[in-house]
Amino acid sequence: MSLRKRDVEQWMSHRCLPVELRRRIRQAERYTWAASRGVNEEKLLEDLPEDIQRDIRRHLFKFVKEVRIFAVLDDTVLDSIRERLRHKTYIKGSIVLHQGGLINKMVYIIRGTMKSTGEDGNEALLYKGIACGEELLTWCLEHSSASKDARNMRVPGHRQISNRVVQCQTNVEAFILRATDLEEVTAVFARFFRSPRVHGAISP
């Protein structure tokens, strides 16, 4: 931690970052270290045999099946999704989604709370076990289902524009699935996503 802290301090000084921004960076660094205990899990997994990687991810990412649409997918597809999940931390006050901005990731909260505020001012509390940005998944699945050649699918589209603001109410630990990774999965496994089960999960 001390070496990392020194490197970050030197970098901030070199870039002449303003005082308030430095404070936020230090806060984010402290929380990230506390959440991971200083262990780079992604690097650790990369060095292990593939079958062990798969079993570890299945254990760590059991929550994937709690997402409505993911729940109907086969393990082969879910394993591909798990491979692309990335650990992410946010500090209190961080903006996760901007109103009118692109939804470029799906966020699954495992610790902490966020507040979602819609265009009409309605608010909803997001907490452990809730996925934020699920409309991105729906968009990708709908376009994969509609396209005979899912490789031609493009991001972004009009359904990926956020109509709400999502802000962290506390420090938040989460796993994210980026739009490009989700698009890749729906392209590779297009046949699975055209199944009636998936169509039923997409429909409200």
N, C-alpha and C. Protein backbone atom coordinates (compact mmCIF):
# COMPACT_ATOMS: atom_id res chain seq x y z
N MET A 1 0.83 -1.20 0.00
CA MET A 1 0.00 0.00 0.00
C MET A 1 0.87 1.25 0.00
N SER A 2 1.99 1.22 0.77
CA SER A 2 2.84 2.41 0.88
C SER A 2 3.48 2.76 -0.45
N LEU A 3 3.91 1.72 -1.21
CA LEU A 3 4.51 1.97 -2.52
C LEU A 3 3.48 2.53 -3.49
N ARG A 4 2.30 1.94 -3.47
CA ARG A 4 1.21 2.42 -4.33
C ARG A 4 0.86 3.86 -3.98
N LYS A 5 0.76 4.13 -2.69
CA LYS A 5 0.43 5.48 -2.23
C LYS A 5 1.46 6.49 -2.71
N ARG A 6 2.72 6.11 -2.60
CA ARG A 6 3.79 7.01 -3.05
C ARG A 6 3.69 7.27 -4.54
N ASP A 7 3.45 6.21 -5.32
CA ASP A 7 3.35 6.37 -6.78
C ASP A 7 2.18 7.28 -7.15
N VAL A 8 1.05 7.10 -6.47
CA VAL A 8 -0.13 7.92 -6.75
C VAL A 8 0.14 9.38 -6.40
N GLU A 9 0.78 9.61 -5.26
CA GLU A 9 1.09 10.98 -4.85
C GLU A 9 2.03 11.65 -5.85
N GLN A 10 3.02 10.91 -6.31
CA GLN A 10 3.96 11.47 -7.28
C GLN A 10 3.26 11.78 -8.60
N TRP A 11 2.37 10.89 -9.01
CA TRP A 11 1.63 11.11 -10.26
C TRP A 11 0.73 12.33 -10.16
N MET A 12 0.01 12.47 -9.04
CA MET A 12 -0.88 13.62 -8.86
C MET A 12 -0.09 14.92 -8.85
N SER A 13 1.07 14.89 -8.23
CA SER A 13 1.92 16.08 -8.19
C SER A 13 2.43 16.42 -9.59
N HIS A 14 2.84 15.39 -10.32
CA HIS A 14 3.36 15.59 -11.68
C HIS A 14 2.30 16.18 -12.60
N ARG A 15 1.05 15.75 -12.39
CA ARG A 15 -0.05 16.23 -13.23
C ARG A 15 -0.69 17.51 -12.70
N CYS A 16 -0.18 18.00 -11.59
CA CYS A 16 -0.67 19.26 -11.00
C CYS A 16 -2.19 19.24 -10.79
N LEU A 17 -2.68 18.13 -10.25
CA LEU A 17 -4.12 18.00 -10.03
C LEU A 17 -4.57 18.92 -8.89
N PRO A 18 -5.79 19.46 -8.99
CA PRO A 18 -6.30 20.34 -7.93
C PRO A 18 -6.48 19.59 -6.61
N VAL A 19 -6.48 20.35 -5.52
CA VAL A 19 -6.52 19.77 -4.18
C VAL A 19 -7.74 18.88 -3.96
N GLU A 20 -8.93 19.35 -4.36
CA GLU A 20 -10.15 18.57 -4.13
C GLU A 20 -10.13 17.27 -4.90
N LEU A 21 -9.62 17.30 -6.13
CA LEU A 21 -9.54 16.08 -6.92
C LEU A 21 -8.55 15.10 -6.29
N ARG A 22 -7.46 15.61 -5.76
CA ARG A 22 -6.50 14.75 -5.07
C ARG A 22 -7.15 14.07 -3.86
N ARG A 23 -7.95 14.83 -3.14
CA ARG A 23 -8.63 14.26 -1.97
C ARG A 23 -9.53 13.10 -2.37
N ARG A 24 -10.27 13.28 -3.45
CA ARG A 24 -11.18 12.22 -3.91
C ARG A 24 -10.40 11.00 -4.38
N ILE A 25 -9.27 11.23 -5.05
CA ILE A 25 -8.44 10.11 -5.51
C ILE A 25 -7.91 9.33 -4.32
N ARG A 26 -7.43 10.03 -3.30
CA ARG A 26 -6.92 9.35 -2.10
C ARG A 26 -8.02 8.52 -1.44
N GLN A 27 -9.22 9.10 -1.38
CA GLN A 27 -10.35 8.38 -0.78
C GLN A 27 -10.68 7.13 -1.57
N ALA A 28 -10.69 7.25 -2.90
CA ALA A 28 -10.98 6.10 -3.75
C ALA A 28 -9.91 5.03 -3.62
N GLU A 29 -8.66 5.44 -3.54
CA GLU A 29 -7.55 4.50 -3.39
C GLU A 29 -7.66 3.73 -2.08
N ARG A 30 -7.99 4.43 -1.01
CA ARG A 30 -8.11 3.77 0.30
C ARG A 30 -9.24 2.73 0.29
N TYR A 31 -10.38 3.11 -0.32
CA TYR A 31 -11.50 2.18 -0.32
C TYR A 31 -11.22 0.98 -1.23
N THR A 32 -10.60 1.22 -2.37
CA THR A 32 -10.26 0.13 -3.28
C THR A 32 -9.33 -0.87 -2.60
N TRP A 33 -8.35 -0.35 -1.89
CA TRP A 33 -7.41 -1.23 -1.19
C TRP A 33 -8.12 -2.02 -0.10
N ALA A 34 -9.00 -1.36 0.65
CA ALA A 34 -9.72 -2.03 1.73
C ALA A 34 -10.63 -3.13 1.18
N ALA A 35 -11.25 -2.87 0.03
CA ALA A 35 -12.18 -3.84 -0.56
C ALA A 35 -11.46 -5.07 -1.10
N SER A 36 -10.26 -4.87 -1.62
CA SER A 36 -9.51 -5.98 -2.24
C SER A 36 -8.44 -6.55 -1.34
N ARG A 37 -8.18 -5.89 -0.20
CA ARG A 37 -7.09 -6.25 0.71
C ARG A 37 -5.74 -6.22 -0.01
N GLY A 38 -5.68 -5.40 -1.03
CA GLY A 38 -4.43 -5.25 -1.76
C GLY A 38 -4.12 -6.36 -2.74
N VAL A 39 -5.07 -7.29 -2.92
CA VAL A 39 -4.85 -8.43 -3.82
C VAL A 39 -5.47 -8.13 -5.18
N ASN A 40 -4.69 -8.32 -6.24
CA ASN A 40 -5.20 -8.17 -7.60
C ASN A 40 -5.80 -9.51 -8.02
N GLU A 41 -7.11 -9.66 -7.80
CA GLU A 41 -7.76 -10.94 -8.06
C GLU A 41 -7.69 -11.35 -9.52
N GLU A 42 -7.81 -10.39 -10.42
CA GLU A 42 -7.79 -10.72 -11.84
C GLU A 42 -6.45 -11.32 -12.24
N LYS A 43 -5.36 -10.73 -11.73
CA LYS A 43 -4.03 -11.26 -12.04
C LYS A 43 -3.85 -12.63 -11.40
N LEU A 44 -4.33 -12.79 -10.19
CA LEU A 44 -4.22 -14.08 -9.50
C LEU A 44 -4.93 -15.17 -10.30
N LEU A 45 -6.14 -14.87 -10.78
CA LEU A 45 -6.91 -15.86 -11.55
C LEU A 45 -6.22 -16.21 -12.86
N GLU A 46 -5.65 -15.22 -13.52
CA GLU A 46 -5.00 -15.45 -14.81
C GLU A 46 -3.88 -16.48 -14.72
N ASP A 47 -3.24 -16.56 -13.56
CA ASP A 47 -2.10 -17.46 -13.39
C ASP A 47 -2.51 -18.89 -13.05
N LEU A 48 -3.80 -19.12 -12.83
CA LEU A 48 -4.29 -20.45 -12.46
C LEU A 48 -4.79 -21.21 -13.69
N PRO A 49 -4.85 -22.55 -13.62
CA PRO A 49 -5.40 -23.34 -14.73
C PRO A 49 -6.84 -22.92 -15.03
N GLU A 50 -7.24 -23.07 -16.28
CA GLU A 50 -8.54 -22.57 -16.72
C GLU A 50 -9.71 -23.20 -15.97
N ASP A 51 -9.62 -24.50 -15.67
CA ASP A 51 -10.75 -25.13 -14.98
C ASP A 51 -10.90 -24.61 -13.55
N ILE A 52 -9.77 -24.28 -12.91
CA ILE A 52 -9.83 -23.71 -11.57
C ILE A 52 -10.38 -22.29 -11.64
N GLN A 53 -9.96 -21.53 -12.67
CA GLN A 53 -10.51 -20.19 -12.87
C GLN A 53 -12.03 -20.25 -12.97
N ARG A 54 -12.52 -21.18 -13.78
CA ARG A 54 -13.97 -21.32 -13.99
C ARG A 54 -14.69 -21.61 -12.69
N ASP A 55 -14.15 -22.56 -11.91
CA ASP A 55 -14.81 -22.94 -10.66
C ASP A 55 -14.79 -21.81 -9.64
N ILE A 56 -13.70 -21.05 -9.59
CA ILE A 56 -13.62 -19.91 -8.68
C ILE A 56 -14.65 -18.86 -9.07
N ARG A 57 -14.75 -18.57 -10.36
CA ARG A 57 -15.72 -17.57 -10.82
C ARG A 57 -17.15 -18.02 -10.56
N ARG A 58 -17.42 -19.30 -10.73
CA ARG A 58 -18.77 -19.79 -10.45
C ARG A 58 -19.11 -19.60 -8.98
N HIS A 59 -18.11 -19.76 -8.11
CA HIS A 59 -18.34 -19.56 -6.68
C HIS A 59 -18.50 -18.08 -6.34
N LEU A 60 -17.60 -17.24 -6.87
CA LEU A 60 -17.63 -15.82 -6.55
C LEU A 60 -18.82 -15.10 -7.15
N PHE A 61 -19.24 -15.54 -8.32
CA PHE A 61 -20.26 -14.81 -9.06
C PHE A 61 -21.59 -15.56 -9.11
N LYS A 62 -21.96 -16.16 -7.99
CA LYS A 62 -23.26 -16.85 -7.92
C LYS A 62 -24.41 -15.88 -8.20
N PHE A 63 -24.18 -14.62 -7.90
CA PHE A 63 -25.24 -13.61 -8.06
C PHE A 63 -25.68 -13.43 -9.51
N VAL A 64 -24.85 -13.89 -10.46
CA VAL A 64 -25.19 -13.71 -11.88
C VAL A 64 -26.57 -14.30 -12.18
N LYS A 65 -26.87 -15.45 -11.60
CA LYS A 65 -28.15 -16.10 -11.88
C LYS A 65 -29.33 -15.38 -11.24
N GLU A 66 -29.05 -14.40 -10.38
CA GLU A 66 -30.13 -13.64 -9.76
C GLU A 66 -30.68 -12.57 -10.70
N VAL A 67 -29.90 -12.23 -11.74
CA VAL A 67 -30.37 -11.29 -12.74
C VAL A 67 -31.40 -12.00 -13.61
N ARG A 68 -32.56 -11.40 -13.75
CA ARG A 68 -33.72 -12.05 -14.37
C ARG A 68 -33.38 -12.72 -15.70
N ILE A 69 -32.74 -12.01 -16.59
CA ILE A 69 -32.47 -12.56 -17.92
C ILE A 69 -31.34 -13.58 -17.87
N PHE A 70 -30.33 -13.34 -17.04
CA PHE A 70 -29.24 -14.29 -16.92
C PHE A 70 -29.73 -15.64 -16.38
N ALA A 71 -30.79 -15.62 -15.58
CA ALA A 71 -31.26 -16.83 -14.92
C ALA A 71 -31.70 -17.91 -15.91
N VAL A 72 -32.04 -17.52 -17.14
CA VAL A 72 -32.53 -18.50 -18.11
C VAL A 72 -31.43 -18.97 -19.06
N LEU A 73 -30.20 -18.50 -18.87
CA LEU A 73 -29.11 -18.85 -19.77
C LEU A 73 -28.39 -20.12 -19.32
N ASP A 74 -27.80 -20.83 -20.28
CA ASP A 74 -27.05 -22.04 -19.97
C ASP A 74 -25.71 -21.68 -19.32
N ASP A 75 -25.12 -22.67 -18.64
CA ASP A 75 -23.85 -22.44 -17.94
C ASP A 75 -22.73 -22.01 -18.88
N THR A 76 -22.75 -22.50 -20.11
CA THR A 76 -21.71 -22.12 -21.07
C THR A 76 -21.72 -20.62 -21.30
N VAL A 77 -22.91 -20.05 -21.45
CA VAL A 77 -23.04 -18.61 -21.66
C VAL A 77 -22.69 -17.86 -20.38
N LEU A 78 -23.16 -18.37 -19.26
CA LEU A 78 -22.89 -17.71 -17.98
C LEU A 78 -21.40 -17.69 -17.67
N ASP A 79 -20.69 -18.78 -18.01
CA ASP A 79 -19.24 -18.80 -17.79
C ASP A 79 -18.56 -17.71 -18.60
N SER A 80 -19.04 -17.50 -19.81
CA SER A 80 -18.47 -16.44 -20.65
C SER A 80 -18.73 -15.07 -20.05
N ILE A 81 -19.90 -14.88 -19.47
CA ILE A 81 -20.23 -13.62 -18.81
C ILE A 81 -19.35 -13.43 -17.58
N ARG A 82 -19.19 -14.49 -16.79
CA ARG A 82 -18.38 -14.40 -15.57
C ARG A 82 -16.94 -14.02 -15.89
N GLU A 83 -16.41 -14.53 -16.99
CA GLU A 83 -15.04 -14.21 -17.38
C GLU A 83 -14.84 -12.72 -17.62
N ARG A 84 -15.92 -12.04 -17.95
CA ARG A 84 -15.83 -10.62 -18.32
C ARG A 84 -16.22 -9.66 -17.20
N LEU A 85 -16.68 -10.19 -16.08
CA LEU A 85 -17.02 -9.33 -14.95
C LEU A 85 -15.76 -8.73 -14.34
N ARG A 86 -15.82 -7.45 -14.00
CA ARG A 86 -14.67 -6.76 -13.43
C ARG A 86 -15.06 -6.10 -12.11
N HIS A 87 -14.18 -6.25 -11.13
CA HIS A 87 -14.42 -5.64 -9.82
C HIS A 87 -14.29 -4.13 -9.92
N LYS A 88 -15.18 -3.42 -9.25
CA LYS A 88 -15.18 -1.95 -9.32
C LYS A 88 -15.60 -1.38 -7.97
N THR A 89 -14.93 -0.31 -7.56
CA THR A 89 -15.32 0.38 -6.34
C THR A 89 -15.65 1.83 -6.67
N TYR A 90 -16.64 2.36 -5.95
CA TYR A 90 -17.04 3.76 -6.08
C TYR A 90 -17.06 4.37 -4.68
N ILE A 91 -16.71 5.63 -4.58
CA ILE A 91 -16.79 6.31 -3.29
C ILE A 91 -18.10 7.08 -3.19
N LYS A 92 -18.48 7.40 -1.97
CA LYS A 92 -19.71 8.15 -1.73
C LYS A 92 -19.74 9.41 -2.58
N GLY A 93 -20.86 9.63 -3.27
CA GLY A 93 -21.01 10.81 -4.12
C GLY A 93 -20.69 10.57 -5.58
N SER A 94 -20.06 9.42 -5.90
CA SER A 94 -19.72 9.12 -7.29
C SER A 94 -20.99 8.99 -8.14
N ILE A 95 -20.94 9.53 -9.35
CA ILE A 95 -22.04 9.40 -10.31
C ILE A 95 -21.77 8.18 -11.18
N VAL A 96 -22.66 7.21 -11.14
CA VAL A 96 -22.49 5.98 -11.90
C VAL A 96 -23.16 6.08 -13.27
N LEU A 97 -24.35 6.70 -13.31
CA LEU A 97 -25.05 6.96 -14.57
C LEU A 97 -25.49 8.41 -14.60
N HIS A 98 -25.32 9.05 -15.76
CA HIS A 98 -25.75 10.44 -15.95
C HIS A 98 -27.02 10.47 -16.78
N GLN A 99 -27.95 11.31 -16.43
CA GLN A 99 -29.15 11.48 -17.24
C GLN A 99 -28.76 12.04 -18.60
N GLY A 100 -29.19 11.37 -19.66
CA GLY A 100 -28.85 11.78 -21.01
C GLY A 100 -27.53 11.22 -21.50
N GLY A 101 -26.80 10.54 -20.62
CA GLY A 101 -25.52 9.94 -21.01
C GLY A 101 -25.70 8.50 -21.47
N LEU A 102 -24.67 7.96 -22.09
CA LEU A 102 -24.73 6.58 -22.56
C LEU A 102 -24.64 5.61 -21.39
N ILE A 103 -25.40 4.55 -21.47
CA ILE A 103 -25.26 3.45 -20.51
C ILE A 103 -24.20 2.51 -21.08
N ASN A 104 -23.00 2.59 -20.56
CA ASN A 104 -21.89 1.81 -21.13
C ASN A 104 -21.47 0.63 -20.27
N LYS A 105 -22.27 0.34 -19.24
CA LYS A 105 -21.94 -0.79 -18.38
C LYS A 105 -23.16 -1.19 -17.57
N MET A 106 -23.13 -2.43 -17.13
CA MET A 106 -24.12 -2.94 -16.19
C MET A 106 -23.40 -3.13 -14.86
N VAL A 107 -23.99 -2.67 -13.78
CA VAL A 107 -23.34 -2.68 -12.47
C VAL A 107 -24.15 -3.54 -11.50
N TYR A 108 -23.48 -4.52 -10.88
CA TYR A 108 -24.16 -5.36 -9.89
C TYR A 108 -23.58 -5.05 -8.52
N ILE A 109 -24.40 -4.53 -7.64
CA ILE A 109 -23.94 -4.07 -6.32
C ILE A 109 -23.77 -5.25 -5.37
N ILE A 110 -22.61 -5.32 -4.72
CA ILE A 110 -22.41 -6.36 -3.70
C ILE A 110 -22.19 -5.76 -2.31
N ARG A 111 -21.98 -4.45 -2.26
CA ARG A 111 -21.87 -3.77 -0.97
C ARG A 111 -22.14 -2.28 -1.16
N GLY A 112 -22.93 -1.70 -0.25
CA GLY A 112 -23.22 -0.27 -0.32
C GLY A 112 -24.56 0.03 -0.97
N THR A 113 -24.86 1.32 -1.10
CA THR A 113 -26.14 1.74 -1.67
C THR A 113 -25.95 2.88 -2.68
N MET A 114 -26.86 2.92 -3.65
CA MET A 114 -26.93 3.99 -4.64
C MET A 114 -28.36 4.53 -4.67
N LYS A 115 -28.51 5.74 -5.17
CA LYS A 115 -29.84 6.31 -5.36
C LYS A 115 -30.06 6.60 -6.83
N SER A 116 -31.19 6.11 -7.35
CA SER A 116 -31.56 6.34 -8.74
C SER A 116 -32.66 7.39 -8.79
N THR A 117 -32.42 8.48 -9.53
CA THR A 117 -33.40 9.56 -9.65
C THR A 117 -33.82 9.70 -11.10
N GLY A 118 -35.11 9.49 -11.38
CA GLY A 118 -35.62 9.57 -12.74
C GLY A 118 -35.88 10.98 -13.19
N GLU A 119 -36.24 11.13 -14.47
CA GLU A 119 -36.53 12.45 -15.04
C GLU A 119 -37.69 13.13 -14.32
N ASP A 120 -38.62 12.32 -13.80
CA ASP A 120 -39.79 12.88 -13.11
C ASP A 120 -39.53 13.16 -11.63
N GLY A 121 -38.29 12.92 -11.20
CA GLY A 121 -37.94 13.17 -9.81
C GLY A 121 -38.15 12.00 -8.88
N ASN A 122 -38.75 10.93 -9.38
CA ASN A 122 -38.95 9.74 -8.55
C ASN A 122 -37.60 9.12 -8.19
N GLU A 123 -37.49 8.70 -6.93
CA GLU A 123 -36.23 8.15 -6.44
C GLU A 123 -36.40 6.69 -6.03
N ALA A 124 -35.33 5.93 -6.21
CA ALA A 124 -35.32 4.53 -5.78
C ALA A 124 -33.96 4.21 -5.20
N LEU A 125 -33.95 3.45 -4.12
CA LEU A 125 -32.70 3.06 -3.48
C LEU A 125 -32.22 1.75 -4.09
N LEU A 126 -30.97 1.71 -4.48
CA LEU A 126 -30.35 0.50 -5.04
C LEU A 126 -29.35 -0.03 -4.02
N TYR A 127 -29.39 -1.32 -3.77
CA TYR A 127 -28.55 -1.90 -2.72
C TYR A 127 -28.06 -3.28 -3.14
N LYS A 128 -27.39 -3.96 -2.22
CA LYS A 128 -26.80 -5.27 -2.51
C LYS A 128 -27.82 -6.20 -3.17
N GLY A 129 -27.39 -6.80 -4.28
CA GLY A 129 -28.26 -7.74 -4.98
C GLY A 129 -29.02 -7.14 -6.13
N ILE A 130 -28.90 -5.82 -6.32
CA ILE A 130 -29.62 -5.14 -7.40
C ILE A 130 -28.66 -4.79 -8.54
N ALA A 131 -29.11 -5.02 -9.76
CA ALA A 131 -28.32 -4.67 -10.94
C ALA A 131 -28.74 -3.30 -11.44
N CYS A 132 -27.78 -2.47 -11.72
CA CYS A 132 -28.02 -1.13 -12.26
C CYS A 132 -27.57 -1.11 -13.71
N GLY A 133 -28.39 -0.56 -14.59
CA GLY A 133 -28.06 -0.55 -16.02
C GLY A 133 -28.52 -1.80 -16.74
N GLU A 134 -29.51 -2.48 -16.16
CA GLU A 134 -30.02 -3.72 -16.76
C GLU A 134 -30.64 -3.48 -18.13
N GLU A 135 -31.06 -2.23 -18.40
CA GLU A 135 -31.63 -1.94 -19.71
C GLU A 135 -30.62 -2.14 -20.84
N LEU A 136 -29.33 -2.03 -20.52
CA LEU A 136 -28.29 -2.29 -21.51
C LEU A 136 -28.33 -3.75 -21.93
N LEU A 137 -28.50 -4.63 -20.96
CA LEU A 137 -28.60 -6.05 -21.25
C LEU A 137 -29.82 -6.34 -22.12
N THR A 138 -30.95 -5.75 -21.75
CA THR A 138 -32.17 -5.94 -22.54
C THR A 138 -31.98 -5.46 -23.97
N TRP A 139 -31.34 -4.30 -24.12
CA TRP A 139 -31.09 -3.74 -25.45
C TRP A 139 -30.26 -4.69 -26.29
N CYS A 140 -29.17 -5.20 -25.72
CA CYS A 140 -28.29 -6.11 -26.46
C CYS A 140 -29.02 -7.40 -26.83
N LEU A 141 -29.81 -7.92 -25.92
CA LEU A 141 -30.53 -9.16 -26.21
C LEU A 141 -31.59 -8.97 -27.28
N GLU A 142 -32.29 -7.85 -27.22
CA GLU A 142 -33.31 -7.56 -28.24
C GLU A 142 -32.67 -7.45 -29.62
N HIS A 143 -31.53 -6.76 -29.69
CA HIS A 143 -30.88 -6.59 -30.98
C HIS A 143 -30.22 -7.87 -31.46
N SER A 144 -29.74 -8.69 -30.54
CA SER A 144 -29.20 -9.98 -30.92
C SER A 144 -30.29 -10.88 -31.45
N SER A 145 -31.46 -10.83 -30.81
CA SER A 145 -32.60 -11.65 -31.23
C SER A 145 -33.12 -11.21 -32.59
N ALA A 146 -33.03 -9.91 -32.86
CA ALA A 146 -33.60 -9.37 -34.10
C ALA A 146 -32.67 -9.51 -35.28
N SER A 147 -31.40 -9.79 -35.00
CA SER A 147 -30.41 -9.83 -36.07
C SER A 147 -30.00 -11.26 -36.39
N LYS A 148 -29.98 -11.61 -37.65
CA LYS A 148 -29.51 -12.93 -38.04
C LYS A 148 -27.99 -13.02 -37.93
N ASP A 149 -27.33 -11.90 -38.08
CA ASP A 149 -25.88 -11.86 -37.92
C ASP A 149 -25.57 -10.89 -36.79
N ALA A 150 -25.46 -11.40 -35.56
CA ALA A 150 -25.29 -10.53 -34.38
C ALA A 150 -23.98 -9.77 -34.43
N ARG A 151 -23.03 -10.21 -35.26
CA ARG A 151 -21.77 -9.48 -35.34
C ARG A 151 -21.94 -8.10 -35.93
N ASN A 152 -23.05 -7.88 -36.62
CA ASN A 152 -23.30 -6.56 -37.20
C ASN A 152 -23.92 -5.60 -36.21
N MET A 153 -24.20 -6.09 -35.00
CA MET A 153 -24.83 -5.24 -33.99
C MET A 153 -23.87 -4.13 -33.59
N ARG A 154 -24.42 -2.97 -33.29
CA ARG A 154 -23.58 -1.82 -32.96
C ARG A 154 -24.02 -1.20 -31.65
N VAL A 155 -23.07 -0.72 -30.90
CA VAL A 155 -23.32 0.04 -29.68
C VAL A 155 -22.71 1.41 -29.91
N PRO A 156 -23.38 2.50 -29.58
CA PRO A 156 -24.63 2.55 -28.84
C PRO A 156 -25.85 2.64 -29.73
N GLY A 157 -27.02 2.56 -29.08
CA GLY A 157 -28.29 2.76 -29.74
C GLY A 157 -29.14 3.62 -28.86
N HIS A 158 -30.30 4.04 -29.37
CA HIS A 158 -31.09 5.02 -28.62
C HIS A 158 -31.58 4.47 -27.29
N ARG A 159 -31.68 3.17 -27.14
CA ARG A 159 -32.15 2.62 -25.87
C ARG A 159 -31.05 2.58 -24.82
N GLN A 160 -29.86 2.98 -25.19
CA GLN A 160 -28.77 3.00 -24.23
C GLN A 160 -28.57 4.38 -23.61
N ILE A 161 -29.47 5.29 -23.86
CA ILE A 161 -29.39 6.61 -23.24
C ILE A 161 -30.09 6.55 -21.88
N SER A 162 -29.39 6.98 -20.85
CA SER A 162 -29.95 6.92 -19.50
C SER A 162 -30.98 8.02 -19.29
N ASN A 163 -32.11 7.66 -18.70
CA ASN A 163 -33.14 8.65 -18.37
C ASN A 163 -33.16 8.92 -16.86
N ARG A 164 -32.05 8.63 -16.21
CA ARG A 164 -31.96 8.82 -14.76
C ARG A 164 -30.53 9.11 -14.34
N VAL A 165 -30.40 9.57 -13.12
CA VAL A 165 -29.09 9.77 -12.50
C VAL A 165 -28.94 8.73 -11.40
N VAL A 166 -27.82 8.03 -11.40
CA VAL A 166 -27.54 7.07 -10.33
C VAL A 166 -26.29 7.52 -9.60
N GLN A 167 -26.44 7.78 -8.31
CA GLN A 167 -25.34 8.31 -7.50
C GLN A 167 -25.16 7.46 -6.25
N CYS A 168 -23.90 7.26 -5.87
CA CYS A 168 -23.59 6.46 -4.68
C CYS A 168 -23.94 7.22 -3.41
N GLN A 169 -24.70 6.59 -2.54
CA GLN A 169 -25.04 7.16 -1.24
C GLN A 169 -24.00 6.80 -0.19
N THR A 170 -23.27 5.73 -0.44
CA THR A 170 -22.18 5.28 0.43
C THR A 170 -21.04 4.84 -0.48
N ASN A 171 -19.93 4.43 0.09
CA ASN A 171 -18.94 3.73 -0.70
C ASN A 171 -19.58 2.45 -1.21
N VAL A 172 -19.30 2.10 -2.46
CA VAL A 172 -19.95 0.95 -3.09
C VAL A 172 -18.91 0.02 -3.70
N GLU A 173 -19.11 -1.27 -3.45
CA GLU A 173 -18.31 -2.30 -4.10
C GLU A 173 -19.22 -3.03 -5.07
N ALA A 174 -18.75 -3.25 -6.29
CA ALA A 174 -19.62 -3.83 -7.31
C ALA A 174 -18.80 -4.63 -8.32
N PHE A 175 -19.50 -5.34 -9.17
CA PHE A 175 -18.90 -5.95 -10.35
C PHE A 175 -19.60 -5.36 -11.56
N ILE A 176 -18.83 -5.04 -12.58
CA ILE A 176 -19.40 -4.42 -13.77
C ILE A 176 -19.20 -5.31 -14.99
N LEU A 177 -20.13 -5.18 -15.92
CA LEU A 177 -20.04 -5.84 -17.22
C LEU A 177 -20.15 -4.74 -18.27
N ARG A 178 -19.07 -4.51 -18.98
CA ARG A 178 -19.02 -3.41 -19.94
C ARG A 178 -19.85 -3.72 -21.18
N ALA A 179 -20.32 -2.66 -21.83
CA ALA A 179 -21.17 -2.81 -23.01
C ALA A 179 -20.48 -3.61 -24.10
N THR A 180 -19.20 -3.34 -24.32
CA THR A 180 -18.47 -4.06 -25.37
C THR A 180 -18.38 -5.55 -25.06
N ASP A 181 -18.21 -5.90 -23.79
CA ASP A 181 -18.15 -7.31 -23.41
C ASP A 181 -19.51 -7.98 -23.55
N LEU A 182 -20.55 -7.27 -23.15
CA LEU A 182 -21.90 -7.81 -23.26
C LEU A 182 -22.28 -8.00 -24.73
N GLU A 183 -21.87 -7.05 -25.55
CA GLU A 183 -22.15 -7.16 -26.99
C GLU A 183 -21.42 -8.37 -27.57
N GLU A 184 -20.20 -8.60 -27.13
CA GLU A 184 -19.43 -9.74 -27.63
C GLU A 184 -20.10 -11.06 -27.26
N VAL A 185 -20.55 -11.16 -26.02
CA VAL A 185 -21.20 -12.39 -25.57
C VAL A 185 -22.48 -12.66 -26.36
N THR A 186 -23.29 -11.62 -26.56
CA THR A 186 -24.54 -11.82 -27.30
C THR A 186 -24.29 -12.14 -28.77
N ALA A 187 -23.12 -11.72 -29.29
CA ALA A 187 -22.78 -12.05 -30.67
C ALA A 187 -22.32 -13.50 -30.78
N VAL A 188 -21.44 -13.91 -29.88
CA VAL A 188 -20.90 -15.27 -29.92
C VAL A 188 -21.99 -16.32 -29.66
N PHE A 189 -22.88 -16.00 -28.74
CA PHE A 189 -23.93 -16.95 -28.36
C PHE A 189 -25.30 -16.51 -28.87
N ALA A 190 -25.33 -15.97 -30.08
CA ALA A 190 -26.58 -15.44 -30.64
C ALA A 190 -27.69 -16.49 -30.67
N ARG A 191 -27.34 -17.73 -30.95
CA ARG A 191 -28.35 -18.80 -31.02
C ARG A 191 -29.07 -18.97 -29.68
N PHE A 192 -28.31 -18.89 -28.59
CA PHE A 192 -28.92 -19.03 -27.27
C PHE A 192 -29.90 -17.89 -27.00
N PHE A 193 -29.51 -16.68 -27.43
CA PHE A 193 -30.31 -15.50 -27.12
C PHE A 193 -31.57 -15.40 -27.99
N ARG A 194 -31.66 -16.24 -29.03
CA ARG A 194 -32.88 -16.25 -29.85
C ARG A 194 -33.89 -17.28 -29.36
N SER A 195 -33.58 -17.95 -28.27
CA SER A 195 -34.48 -19.00 -27.77
C SER A 195 -35.73 -18.39 -27.14
N PRO A 196 -36.85 -19.12 -27.15
CA PRO A 196 -38.10 -18.63 -26.54
C PRO A 196 -37.95 -18.29 -25.06
N ARG A 197 -37.09 -19.03 -24.34
CA ARG A 197 -36.90 -18.74 -22.92
C ARG A 197 -36.35 -17.34 -22.70
N VAL A 198 -35.37 -16.97 -23.53
CA VAL A 198 -34.78 -15.64 -23.40
C VAL A 198 -35.79 -14.58 -23.80
N HIS A 199 -36.54 -14.83 -24.87
CA HIS A 199 -37.58 -13.88 -25.30
C HIS A 199 -38.58 -13.64 -24.17
N GLY A 200 -38.94 -14.71 -23.47
CA GLY A 200 -39.88 -14.57 -22.37
C GLY A 200 -39.32 -13.76 -21.23
N ALA A 201 -38.00 -13.87 -20.99
CA ALA A 201 -37.37 -13.11 -19.91
C ALA A 201 -37.25 -11.64 -20.27
N ILE A 202 -37.09 -11.35 -21.57
CA ILE A 202 -36.99 -9.96 -22.01
C ILE A 202 -38.33 -9.26 -21.85
N SER A 203 -39.39 -9.99 -22.19
CA SER A 203 -40.73 -9.38 -22.15
C SER A 203 -41.11 -9.04 -20.72
N PRO A 204 -41.73 -7.87 -20.50
CA PRO A 204 -42.16 -7.48 -19.16
C PRO A 204 -43.25 -8.40 -18.63
